[in-house]
Amino acid sequence: MNKEWEVSEFLRVENAYALFMEYVKQGKMKVGRFEDKSEKQLDWWYACCIEYLKEKHMIETPDCSYASFIKSKLPGVWERYIAECNLRRE
């Protein structure tokens, strides 16, 4: 289904980090730091990453930007994903 939408306004952001930090300062946004997460929260987040990898069939596009990020920053997540893909093939 293809719908057309009219853009009524937009915000051009030159420095997203600075904007996010301003939003945090104003209370418009909350940042959760990786180091502050419990093991349960991290397990949930890792599972979400794996589900997204599965949904997008990233085993077929391992060099895309998201897969590359996961492989470099969260190698254990990528390894779990590959293991699950291999189990489904067997």
C-alpha atoms as a PDB file:
ATOM      1  CA  MET A   1       0.000   0.000   0.000  1.00  0.00           C
ATOM      2  CA  ASN A   2       1.562   3.242  -1.126  1.00  0.00           C
ATOM      3  CA  LYS A   3       0.238   6.451   0.407  1.00  0.00           C
ATOM      4  CA  GLU A   4       1.324   9.993  -0.216  1.00  0.00           C
ATOM      5  CA  TRP A   5       1.853  12.291   2.744  1.00  0.00           C
ATOM      6  CA  GLU A   6       2.226  16.014   2.758  1.00  0.00           C
ATOM      7  CA  VAL A   7       5.117  17.300   4.851  1.00  0.00           C
ATOM      8  CA  SER A   8       3.921  20.247   6.903  1.00  0.00           C
ATOM      9  CA  GLU A   9       7.173  21.016   8.709  1.00  0.00           C
ATOM     10  CA  PHE A  10      10.593  19.567   9.395  1.00  0.00           C
ATOM     11  CA  LEU A  11      13.605  20.146  11.583  1.00  0.00           C
ATOM     12  CA  ARG A  12      17.038  20.064  10.008  1.00  0.00           C
ATOM     13  CA  VAL A  13      19.539  18.724  12.531  1.00  0.00           C
ATOM     14  CA  GLU A  14      23.221  19.411  11.997  1.00  0.00           C
ATOM     15  CA  ASN A  15      24.383  17.797  15.249  1.00  0.00           C
ATOM     16  CA  ALA A  16      22.054  15.067  16.522  1.00  0.00           C
ATOM     17  CA  TYR A  17      24.148  14.427  19.638  1.00  0.00           C
ATOM     18  CA  ALA A  18      23.918  18.070  20.717  1.00  0.00           C
ATOM     19  CA  LEU A  19      20.165  18.077  20.071  1.00  0.00           C
ATOM     20  CA  PHE A  20      19.683  14.885  22.088  1.00  0.00           C
ATOM     21  CA  MET A  21      21.707  16.266  24.982  1.00  0.00           C
ATOM     22  CA  GLU A  22      19.603  19.439  24.916  1.00  0.00           C
ATOM     23  CA  TYR A  23      16.445  17.320  24.999  1.00  0.00           C
ATOM     24  CA  VAL A  24      17.840  15.385  27.979  1.00  0.00           C
ATOM     25  CA  LYS A  25      18.608  18.659  29.747  1.00  0.00           C
ATOM     26  CA  GLN A  26      15.047  19.876  29.093  1.00  0.00           C
ATOM     27  CA  GLY A  27      13.554  16.589  30.286  1.00  0.00           C
ATOM     28  CA  LYS A  28      12.121  15.800  26.841  1.00  0.00           C
ATOM     29  CA  MET A  29      14.228  12.690  26.466  1.00  0.00           C
ATOM     30  CA  LYS A  30      15.828  10.141  28.755  1.00  0.00           C
ATOM     31  CA  VAL A  31      19.053   8.336  27.946  1.00  0.00           C
ATOM     32  CA  GLY A  32      19.682   4.896  29.390  1.00  0.00           C
ATOM     33  CA  ARG A  33      23.349   4.059  29.566  1.00  0.00           C
ATOM     34  CA  PHE A  34      24.513   0.597  28.566  1.00  0.00           C
ATOM     35  CA  GLU A  35      26.652   0.323  31.700  1.00  0.00           C
ATOM     36  CA  ASP A  36      23.623   0.942  33.936  1.00  0.00           C
ATOM     37  CA  LYS A  37      21.497  -1.884  32.504  1.00  0.00           C
ATOM     38  CA  SER A  38      20.781  -5.038  34.491  1.00  0.00           C
ATOM     39  CA  GLU A  39      21.565  -8.463  33.054  1.00  0.00           C
ATOM     40  CA  LYS A  40      17.827  -8.995  32.486  1.00  0.00           C
ATOM     41  CA  GLN A  41      17.513  -5.713  30.565  1.00  0.00           C
ATOM     42  CA  LEU A  42      20.536  -6.546  28.429  1.00  0.00           C
ATOM     43  CA  ASP A  43      19.215 -10.047  27.676  1.00  0.00           C
ATOM     44  CA  TRP A  44      15.937  -8.492  26.514  1.00  0.00           C
ATOM     45  CA  TRP A  45      17.762  -5.965  24.347  1.00  0.00           C
ATOM     46  CA  TYR A  46      20.012  -8.635  22.823  1.00  0.00           C
ATOM     47  CA  ALA A  47      16.932 -10.746  22.043  1.00  0.00           C
ATOM     48  CA  CYS A  48      15.341  -7.743  20.306  1.00  0.00           C
ATOM     49  CA  CYS A  49      18.487  -7.275  18.203  1.00  0.00           C
ATOM     50  CA  ILE A  50      18.427 -10.950  17.216  1.00  0.00           C
ATOM     51  CA  GLU A  51      14.736 -10.763  16.266  1.00  0.00           C
ATOM     52  CA  TYR A  52      15.472  -7.759  14.048  1.00  0.00           C
ATOM     53  CA  LEU A  53      18.370  -9.597  12.415  1.00  0.00           C
ATOM     54  CA  LYS A  54      16.035 -12.542  11.732  1.00  0.00           C
ATOM     55  CA  GLU A  55      13.226 -10.313  10.456  1.00  0.00           C
ATOM     56  CA  LYS A  56      15.560  -8.678   7.954  1.00  0.00           C
ATOM     57  CA  HIS A  57      17.327 -11.958   7.019  1.00  0.00           C
ATOM     58  CA  MET A  58      20.670 -10.340   7.639  1.00  0.00           C
ATOM     59  CA  ILE A  59      22.496 -13.601   7.251  1.00  0.00           C
ATOM     60  CA  GLU A  60      22.015 -12.828   3.546  1.00  0.00           C
ATOM     61  CA  THR A  61      23.426  -9.283   3.875  1.00  0.00           C
ATOM     62  CA  PRO A  62      26.126  -9.554   6.569  1.00  0.00           C
ATOM     63  CA  ASP A  63      27.942  -6.462   5.303  1.00  0.00           C
ATOM     64  CA  CYS A  64      25.027  -4.042   5.669  1.00  0.00           C
ATOM     65  CA  SER A  65      25.502  -1.243   8.193  1.00  0.00           C
ATOM     66  CA  TYR A  66      23.303  -2.736  10.938  1.00  0.00           C
ATOM     67  CA  ALA A  67      24.865  -6.200  10.714  1.00  0.00           C
ATOM     68  CA  SER A  68      28.329  -4.628  10.667  1.00  0.00           C
ATOM     69  CA  PHE A  69      27.480  -2.617  13.788  1.00  0.00           C
ATOM     70  CA  ILE A  70      26.226  -5.711  15.617  1.00  0.00           C
ATOM     71  CA  LYS A  71      29.283  -7.736  14.591  1.00  0.00           C
ATOM     72  CA  SER A  72      31.707  -5.045  15.740  1.00  0.00           C
ATOM     73  CA  LYS A  73      29.972  -3.833  18.924  1.00  0.00           C
ATOM     74  CA  LEU A  74      27.988  -6.901  20.020  1.00  0.00           C
ATOM     75  CA  PRO A  75      29.803  -9.935  18.598  1.00  0.00           C
ATOM     76  CA  GLY A  76      28.049 -12.295  21.027  1.00  0.00           C
ATOM     77  CA  VAL A  77      24.672 -11.216  19.628  1.00  0.00           C
ATOM     78  CA  TRP A  78      25.832 -11.904  16.074  1.00  0.00           C
ATOM     79  CA  GLU A  79      27.187 -15.312  17.115  1.00  0.00           C
ATOM     80  CA  ARG A  80      23.838 -16.206  18.759  1.00  0.00           C
ATOM     81  CA  TYR A  81      22.023 -15.105  15.619  1.00  0.00           C
ATOM     82  CA  ILE A  82      24.236 -17.229  13.372  1.00  0.00           C
ATOM     83  CA  ALA A  83      23.826 -20.219  15.711  1.00  0.00           C
ATOM     84  CA  GLU A  84      20.028 -19.852  15.590  1.00  0.00           C
ATOM     85  CA  CYS A  85      20.107 -19.604  11.794  1.00  0.00           C
ATOM     86  CA  ASN A  86      22.203 -22.747  11.633  1.00  0.00           C
ATOM     87  CA  LEU A  87      19.768 -24.610  13.925  1.00  0.00           C
ATOM     88  CA  ARG A  88      16.853 -23.714  11.655  1.00  0.00           C
ATOM     89  CA  ARG A  89      18.724 -25.098   8.636  1.00  0.00           C
ATOM     90  CA  GLU A  90      19.369 -28.470  10.280  1.00  0.00           C
END
